[in-house]
Amino acid sequence: MVDSNVRPNTPDRRASLLRAAEDAGLLNGSQYKVLAGRLPEPLVNAAMKRTGLTEPAQLLTYALVKLVMEDDFGERLLALKGSVPRGILTER
């Protein structure tokens, strides 16, 4: 689980997210997939500046980990709509 007390896009937050991905088995293994593509330079530069990462491979790995490990709290919360009986949260 990612430490929610760490601010986003800090080295600690990145490390925590990468540890969680590793614990989930996403970064383990001896096989690698090569990805190549052309990306807008301003987008890459802004992402590197925001994350503090300097290597394109690190940036791509981090972006994919964020996508896969993204917190689904909002979806889970909305799925609970109507599941709490009326009056359960009122004082007695």
C-alpha atoms as a PDB file:
ATOM      1  CA  MET A   1       0.000   0.000   0.000  1.00  0.00           C
ATOM      2  CA  VAL A   2       1.208   3.492  -0.809  1.00  0.00           C
ATOM      3  CA  ASP A   3       1.841   5.840   2.123  1.00  0.00           C
ATOM      4  CA  SER A   4      -0.885   8.491   1.836  1.00  0.00           C
ATOM      5  CA  ASN A   5       1.008  10.852   4.154  1.00  0.00           C
ATOM      6  CA  VAL A   6       3.721  11.437   1.566  1.00  0.00           C
ATOM      7  CA  ARG A   7       3.095  14.265  -0.897  1.00  0.00           C
ATOM      8  CA  PRO A   8       2.708  13.338  -4.575  1.00  0.00           C
ATOM      9  CA  ASN A   9       5.710  13.615  -6.886  1.00  0.00           C
ATOM     10  CA  THR A  10       8.328  13.675  -4.139  1.00  0.00           C
ATOM     11  CA  PRO A  11      11.228  11.220  -4.102  1.00  0.00           C
ATOM     12  CA  ASP A  12       9.648   9.489  -1.064  1.00  0.00           C
ATOM     13  CA  ARG A  13       6.298   9.174  -2.823  1.00  0.00           C
ATOM     14  CA  ARG A  14       7.934   7.791  -5.967  1.00  0.00           C
ATOM     15  CA  ALA A  15       9.964   5.314  -3.927  1.00  0.00           C
ATOM     16  CA  SER A  16       6.869   4.217  -2.011  1.00  0.00           C
ATOM     17  CA  LEU A  17       4.914   3.709  -5.220  1.00  0.00           C
ATOM     18  CA  LEU A  18       7.763   1.779  -6.860  1.00  0.00           C
ATOM     19  CA  ARG A  19       8.097  -0.414  -3.728  1.00  0.00           C
ATOM     20  CA  ALA A  20       4.380  -1.170  -3.871  1.00  0.00           C
ATOM     21  CA  ALA A  21       4.694  -2.099  -7.557  1.00  0.00           C
ATOM     22  CA  GLU A  22       7.674  -4.307  -6.779  1.00  0.00           C
ATOM     23  CA  ASP A  23       5.801  -5.960  -3.906  1.00  0.00           C
ATOM     24  CA  ALA A  24       2.948  -6.626  -6.338  1.00  0.00           C
ATOM     25  CA  GLY A  25       5.418  -8.382  -8.650  1.00  0.00           C
ATOM     26  CA  LEU A  26       5.182  -5.764 -11.376  1.00  0.00           C
ATOM     27  CA  LEU A  27       8.885  -4.920 -11.496  1.00  0.00           C
ATOM     28  CA  ASN A  28      10.249  -8.410 -10.988  1.00  0.00           C
ATOM     29  CA  GLY A  29      11.359 -10.774 -13.675  1.00  0.00           C
ATOM     30  CA  SER A  30      14.064 -11.188 -16.227  1.00  0.00           C
ATOM     31  CA  GLN A  31      12.020 -10.385 -19.308  1.00  0.00           C
ATOM     32  CA  TYR A  32      11.701  -6.826 -20.558  1.00  0.00           C
ATOM     33  CA  LYS A  33       9.489  -5.300 -23.213  1.00  0.00           C
ATOM     34  CA  VAL A  34      10.999  -2.617 -25.405  1.00  0.00           C
ATOM     35  CA  LEU A  35       8.766   0.388 -25.987  1.00  0.00           C
ATOM     36  CA  ALA A  36       9.576   3.160 -28.410  1.00  0.00           C
ATOM     37  CA  GLY A  37       7.616   6.154 -29.495  1.00  0.00           C
ATOM     38  CA  ARG A  38       7.691   9.804 -30.330  1.00  0.00           C
ATOM     39  CA  LEU A  39       6.333  12.053 -27.627  1.00  0.00           C
ATOM     40  CA  PRO A  40       5.938  15.825 -27.564  1.00  0.00           C
ATOM     41  CA  GLU A  41       9.109  17.296 -26.076  1.00  0.00           C
ATOM     42  CA  PRO A  42       7.228  19.808 -23.866  1.00  0.00           C
ATOM     43  CA  LEU A  43       5.225  16.930 -22.361  1.00  0.00           C
ATOM     44  CA  VAL A  44       8.349  14.897 -21.616  1.00  0.00           C
ATOM     45  CA  ASN A  45      10.186  17.922 -20.210  1.00  0.00           C
ATOM     46  CA  ALA A  46       7.234  18.872 -17.983  1.00  0.00           C
ATOM     47  CA  ALA A  47       6.923  15.292 -16.722  1.00  0.00           C
ATOM     48  CA  MET A  48      10.643  15.094 -15.960  1.00  0.00           C
ATOM     49  CA  LYS A  49      10.534  18.441 -14.177  1.00  0.00           C
ATOM     50  CA  ARG A  50       7.486  17.448 -12.136  1.00  0.00           C
ATOM     51  CA  THR A  51       8.859  14.045 -11.155  1.00  0.00           C
ATOM     52  CA  GLY A  52      12.511  14.995 -10.815  1.00  0.00           C
ATOM     53  CA  LEU A  53      13.440  12.030 -13.002  1.00  0.00           C
ATOM     54  CA  THR A  54      16.134  12.518 -15.629  1.00  0.00           C
ATOM     55  CA  GLU A  55      16.133   9.253 -17.577  1.00  0.00           C
ATOM     56  CA  PRO A  56      13.400   8.501 -20.127  1.00  0.00           C
ATOM     57  CA  ALA A  57      13.271   4.828 -19.058  1.00  0.00           C
ATOM     58  CA  GLN A  58      12.734   5.850 -15.423  1.00  0.00           C
ATOM     59  CA  LEU A  59      10.010   8.267 -16.461  1.00  0.00           C
ATOM     60  CA  LEU A  60       8.212   5.662 -18.553  1.00  0.00           C
ATOM     61  CA  THR A  61       8.460   3.059 -15.791  1.00  0.00           C
ATOM     62  CA  TYR A  62       7.120   5.527 -13.244  1.00  0.00           C
ATOM     63  CA  ALA A  63       4.263   6.582 -15.538  1.00  0.00           C
ATOM     64  CA  LEU A  64       3.234   2.968 -16.123  1.00  0.00           C
ATOM     65  CA  VAL A  65       3.451   2.155 -12.403  1.00  0.00           C
ATOM     66  CA  LYS A  66       1.253   5.167 -11.586  1.00  0.00           C
ATOM     67  CA  LEU A  67      -1.272   4.020 -14.164  1.00  0.00           C
ATOM     68  CA  VAL A  68      -1.378   0.449 -12.853  1.00  0.00           C
ATOM     69  CA  MET A  69      -1.230   1.275  -9.147  1.00  0.00           C
ATOM     70  CA  GLU A  70      -3.650   4.197  -9.339  1.00  0.00           C
ATOM     71  CA  ASP A  71      -5.891   4.425  -6.293  1.00  0.00           C
ATOM     72  CA  ASP A  72      -9.469   3.513  -7.101  1.00  0.00           C
ATOM     73  CA  PHE A  73     -10.892   5.077  -3.923  1.00  0.00           C
ATOM     74  CA  GLY A  74     -13.324   7.286  -5.839  1.00  0.00           C
ATOM     75  CA  GLU A  75     -14.747   4.356  -7.790  1.00  0.00           C
ATOM     76  CA  ARG A  76     -15.052   2.246  -4.645  1.00  0.00           C
ATOM     77  CA  LEU A  77     -16.740   5.090  -2.772  1.00  0.00           C
ATOM     78  CA  LEU A  78     -19.291   5.669  -5.528  1.00  0.00           C
ATOM     79  CA  ALA A  79     -20.007   1.940  -5.684  1.00  0.00           C
ATOM     80  CA  LEU A  80     -21.145   2.138  -2.036  1.00  0.00           C
ATOM     81  CA  LYS A  81     -23.889   4.668  -2.841  1.00  0.00           C
ATOM     82  CA  GLY A  82     -27.112   3.509  -1.266  1.00  0.00           C
ATOM     83  CA  SER A  83     -25.489   0.674   0.678  1.00  0.00           C
ATOM     84  CA  VAL A  84     -25.730   2.332   4.090  1.00  0.00           C
ATOM     85  CA  PRO A  85     -29.277   2.095   5.483  1.00  0.00           C
ATOM     86  CA  ARG A  86     -30.972   5.422   6.177  1.00  0.00           C
ATOM     87  CA  GLY A  87     -30.666   6.579   9.776  1.00  0.00           C
ATOM     88  CA  ILE A  88     -27.610   4.523  10.610  1.00  0.00           C
ATOM     89  CA  LEU A  89     -25.422   7.608  10.884  1.00  0.00           C
ATOM     90  CA  THR A  90     -27.802   9.710  12.966  1.00  0.00           C
ATOM     91  CA  GLU A  91     -27.367  10.096  16.703  1.00  0.00           C
ATOM     92  CA  ARG A  92     -29.743   8.152  18.893  1.00  0.00           C
END
